[in-house]
Amino acid sequence: MLYVERGGRSLLSFSTEREELVAAAHALAGAVHEGWLGSLAVERADGVGSLGSDLAEVLTEAGFRVTPKGLRLRA
């Protein structure tokens, strides 16, 4: 399970199970692509920089792209 903090620059995860995180990342990407959420530019994940976080791999698998500030997904 993932929680997008206000502004979309931070994410919090509430699971350590990879399968659950992958499913949540794909659901989040789907919400962006379907227009439920605007573009996301995640700078922090679980309290650390998003590029160095444990979530970086699952987010990039879901379609997020690496940028100098973090991970971005456009609608």
N, C-alpha and C. Protein backbone atom coordinates (compact mmCIF):
# COMPACT_ATOMS: atom_id res chain seq x y z
N MET A 1 0.84 -1.16 0.00
CA MET A 1 0.00 0.00 0.00
C MET A 1 0.90 1.24 0.00
N LEU A 2 0.53 2.25 -0.80
CA LEU A 2 1.27 3.50 -0.88
C LEU A 2 0.36 4.67 -0.55
N TYR A 3 0.92 5.65 0.11
CA TYR A 3 0.21 6.89 0.43
C TYR A 3 0.96 8.04 -0.22
N VAL A 4 0.26 8.81 -1.05
CA VAL A 4 0.84 9.99 -1.68
C VAL A 4 0.53 11.18 -0.78
N GLU A 5 1.57 11.82 -0.27
CA GLU A 5 1.36 12.98 0.59
C GLU A 5 0.93 14.18 -0.24
N ARG A 6 0.32 15.12 0.41
CA ARG A 6 -0.18 16.32 -0.25
C ARG A 6 0.92 16.96 -1.11
N GLY A 7 0.59 17.28 -2.34
CA GLY A 7 1.54 17.86 -3.26
C GLY A 7 2.22 16.83 -4.15
N GLY A 8 2.13 15.56 -3.79
CA GLY A 8 2.66 14.49 -4.63
C GLY A 8 4.17 14.37 -4.67
N ARG A 9 4.87 15.03 -3.75
CA ARG A 9 6.33 14.96 -3.76
C ARG A 9 6.89 13.91 -2.83
N SER A 10 6.03 13.34 -1.99
CA SER A 10 6.47 12.32 -1.04
C SER A 10 5.51 11.14 -1.06
N LEU A 11 6.08 9.96 -0.91
CA LEU A 11 5.31 8.72 -0.81
C LEU A 11 5.68 8.01 0.48
N LEU A 12 4.71 7.34 1.05
CA LEU A 12 4.95 6.47 2.20
C LEU A 12 4.43 5.09 1.85
N SER A 13 5.18 4.07 2.20
CA SER A 13 4.72 2.70 1.96
C SER A 13 4.30 2.08 3.29
N PHE A 14 3.31 1.21 3.21
CA PHE A 14 2.80 0.54 4.39
C PHE A 14 2.85 -0.98 4.22
N SER A 15 3.87 -1.43 3.52
CA SER A 15 4.07 -2.86 3.32
C SER A 15 5.55 -3.09 3.03
N THR A 16 6.01 -4.27 3.35
CA THR A 16 7.36 -4.67 2.97
C THR A 16 7.32 -5.77 1.93
N GLU A 17 6.12 -6.21 1.57
CA GLU A 17 5.95 -7.28 0.58
C GLU A 17 6.09 -6.70 -0.82
N ARG A 18 7.06 -7.19 -1.57
CA ARG A 18 7.33 -6.67 -2.91
C ARG A 18 6.09 -6.74 -3.81
N GLU A 19 5.37 -7.86 -3.78
CA GLU A 19 4.19 -8.02 -4.63
C GLU A 19 3.15 -6.94 -4.36
N GLU A 20 2.95 -6.62 -3.09
CA GLU A 20 1.98 -5.58 -2.72
C GLU A 20 2.46 -4.21 -3.19
N LEU A 21 3.75 -3.94 -3.06
CA LEU A 21 4.29 -2.65 -3.50
C LEU A 21 4.22 -2.50 -5.01
N VAL A 22 4.50 -3.58 -5.74
CA VAL A 22 4.40 -3.54 -7.20
C VAL A 22 2.96 -3.26 -7.61
N ALA A 23 2.01 -3.96 -7.00
CA ALA A 23 0.59 -3.74 -7.33
C ALA A 23 0.18 -2.31 -7.00
N ALA A 24 0.63 -1.79 -5.87
CA ALA A 24 0.28 -0.42 -5.48
C ALA A 24 0.90 0.60 -6.43
N ALA A 25 2.14 0.37 -6.85
CA ALA A 25 2.81 1.29 -7.78
C ALA A 25 2.09 1.30 -9.13
N HIS A 26 1.66 0.14 -9.59
CA HIS A 26 0.92 0.08 -10.86
C HIS A 26 -0.45 0.72 -10.73
N ALA A 27 -1.10 0.56 -9.58
CA ALA A 27 -2.39 1.22 -9.36
C ALA A 27 -2.21 2.74 -9.33
N LEU A 28 -1.15 3.21 -8.72
CA LEU A 28 -0.85 4.64 -8.68
C LEU A 28 -0.60 5.16 -10.09
N ALA A 29 0.18 4.44 -10.87
CA ALA A 29 0.43 4.84 -12.26
C ALA A 29 -0.87 4.86 -13.06
N GLY A 30 -1.73 3.88 -12.83
CA GLY A 30 -3.02 3.85 -13.51
C GLY A 30 -3.87 5.06 -13.16
N ALA A 31 -3.85 5.47 -11.90
CA ALA A 31 -4.62 6.65 -11.48
C ALA A 31 -4.11 7.91 -12.18
N VAL A 32 -2.81 8.00 -12.39
CA VAL A 32 -2.25 9.15 -13.11
C VAL A 32 -2.66 9.10 -14.57
N HIS A 33 -2.50 7.95 -15.21
CA HIS A 33 -2.81 7.82 -16.64
C HIS A 33 -4.29 8.00 -16.93
N GLU A 34 -5.16 7.63 -15.98
CA GLU A 34 -6.60 7.77 -16.18
C GLU A 34 -7.11 9.15 -15.79
N GLY A 35 -6.23 10.00 -15.28
CA GLY A 35 -6.62 11.36 -14.96
C GLY A 35 -7.13 11.60 -13.55
N TRP A 36 -7.11 10.58 -12.71
CA TRP A 36 -7.55 10.75 -11.32
C TRP A 36 -6.55 11.59 -10.53
N LEU A 37 -5.30 11.48 -10.90
CA LEU A 37 -4.23 12.28 -10.29
C LEU A 37 -3.48 12.99 -11.40
N GLY A 38 -2.91 14.13 -11.07
CA GLY A 38 -2.06 14.83 -12.03
C GLY A 38 -0.69 14.18 -12.07
N SER A 39 0.19 14.73 -12.84
CA SER A 39 1.56 14.23 -12.90
C SER A 39 2.18 14.24 -11.50
N LEU A 40 3.02 13.25 -11.25
CA LEU A 40 3.69 13.16 -9.95
C LEU A 40 5.19 13.33 -10.13
N ALA A 41 5.80 14.06 -9.23
CA ALA A 41 7.25 14.22 -9.17
C ALA A 41 7.67 13.87 -7.75
N VAL A 42 7.98 12.61 -7.53
CA VAL A 42 8.27 12.10 -6.19
C VAL A 42 9.74 12.36 -5.86
N GLU A 43 9.94 13.20 -4.85
CA GLU A 43 11.30 13.54 -4.42
C GLU A 43 11.74 12.72 -3.21
N ARG A 44 10.77 12.29 -2.38
CA ARG A 44 11.09 11.52 -1.19
C ARG A 44 10.15 10.32 -1.10
N ALA A 45 10.70 9.21 -0.65
CA ALA A 45 9.91 8.00 -0.44
C ALA A 45 10.36 7.37 0.87
N ASP A 46 9.42 7.18 1.74
CA ASP A 46 9.70 6.62 3.07
C ASP A 46 10.80 7.39 3.81
N GLY A 47 10.79 8.71 3.64
CA GLY A 47 11.70 9.57 4.40
C GLY A 47 13.09 9.76 3.83
N VAL A 48 13.37 9.16 2.68
CA VAL A 48 14.68 9.34 2.04
C VAL A 48 14.48 9.80 0.61
N GLY A 49 15.54 10.24 -0.03
CA GLY A 49 15.45 10.63 -1.43
C GLY A 49 14.90 9.48 -2.27
N SER A 50 13.98 9.78 -3.16
CA SER A 50 13.29 8.71 -3.89
C SER A 50 14.24 7.87 -4.74
N LEU A 51 15.30 8.46 -5.27
CA LEU A 51 16.22 7.69 -6.11
C LEU A 51 17.00 6.65 -5.31
N GLY A 52 17.20 6.89 -4.03
CA GLY A 52 17.92 5.95 -3.18
C GLY A 52 17.02 5.10 -2.31
N SER A 53 15.73 5.21 -2.51
CA SER A 53 14.79 4.49 -1.65
C SER A 53 14.57 3.07 -2.14
N ASP A 54 14.02 2.25 -1.26
CA ASP A 54 13.66 0.88 -1.62
C ASP A 54 12.53 0.85 -2.65
N LEU A 55 11.77 1.93 -2.76
CA LEU A 55 10.65 2.00 -3.70
C LEU A 55 11.07 2.36 -5.12
N ALA A 56 12.28 2.83 -5.32
CA ALA A 56 12.71 3.30 -6.64
C ALA A 56 12.52 2.24 -7.72
N GLU A 57 12.88 1.02 -7.44
CA GLU A 57 12.77 -0.04 -8.45
C GLU A 57 11.32 -0.33 -8.83
N VAL A 58 10.45 -0.45 -7.84
CA VAL A 58 9.05 -0.76 -8.17
C VAL A 58 8.37 0.42 -8.87
N LEU A 59 8.75 1.63 -8.52
CA LEU A 59 8.16 2.80 -9.19
C LEU A 59 8.63 2.89 -10.64
N THR A 60 9.89 2.62 -10.90
CA THR A 60 10.36 2.67 -12.29
C THR A 60 9.74 1.53 -13.10
N GLU A 61 9.52 0.39 -12.49
CA GLU A 61 8.84 -0.71 -13.18
C GLU A 61 7.41 -0.32 -13.55
N ALA A 62 6.80 0.55 -12.75
CA ALA A 62 5.43 1.00 -13.00
C ALA A 62 5.36 2.14 -14.00
N GLY A 63 6.52 2.64 -14.45
CA GLY A 63 6.52 3.68 -15.47
C GLY A 63 7.09 5.02 -15.07
N PHE A 64 7.47 5.17 -13.81
CA PHE A 64 8.10 6.42 -13.38
C PHE A 64 9.45 6.55 -14.05
N ARG A 65 9.84 7.78 -14.37
CA ARG A 65 11.12 8.06 -15.02
C ARG A 65 12.04 8.79 -14.06
N VAL A 66 13.32 8.49 -14.16
CA VAL A 66 14.33 9.13 -13.32
C VAL A 66 14.58 10.54 -13.82
N THR A 67 14.57 11.50 -12.89
CA THR A 67 14.90 12.89 -13.19
C THR A 67 15.95 13.33 -12.16
N PRO A 68 16.57 14.48 -12.36
CA PRO A 68 17.56 14.94 -11.37
C PRO A 68 16.98 15.11 -9.96
N LYS A 69 15.69 15.42 -9.85
CA LYS A 69 15.08 15.63 -8.53
C LYS A 69 14.44 14.39 -7.94
N GLY A 70 14.25 13.35 -8.74
CA GLY A 70 13.59 12.17 -8.21
C GLY A 70 12.96 11.35 -9.31
N LEU A 71 11.73 10.90 -9.07
CA LEU A 71 11.01 10.05 -10.02
C LEU A 71 9.74 10.76 -10.47
N ARG A 72 9.51 10.78 -11.78
CA ARG A 72 8.37 11.52 -12.33
C ARG A 72 7.51 10.59 -13.18
N LEU A 73 6.20 10.81 -13.06
CA LEU A 73 5.23 10.13 -13.91
C LEU A 73 4.27 11.18 -14.43
N ARG A 74 4.18 11.28 -15.73
CA ARG A 74 3.29 12.27 -16.36
C ARG A 74 2.00 11.60 -16.80
N ALA A 75 0.94 12.38 -16.75
CA ALA A 75 -0.38 11.90 -17.15
C ALA A 75 -0.44 11.65 -18.64
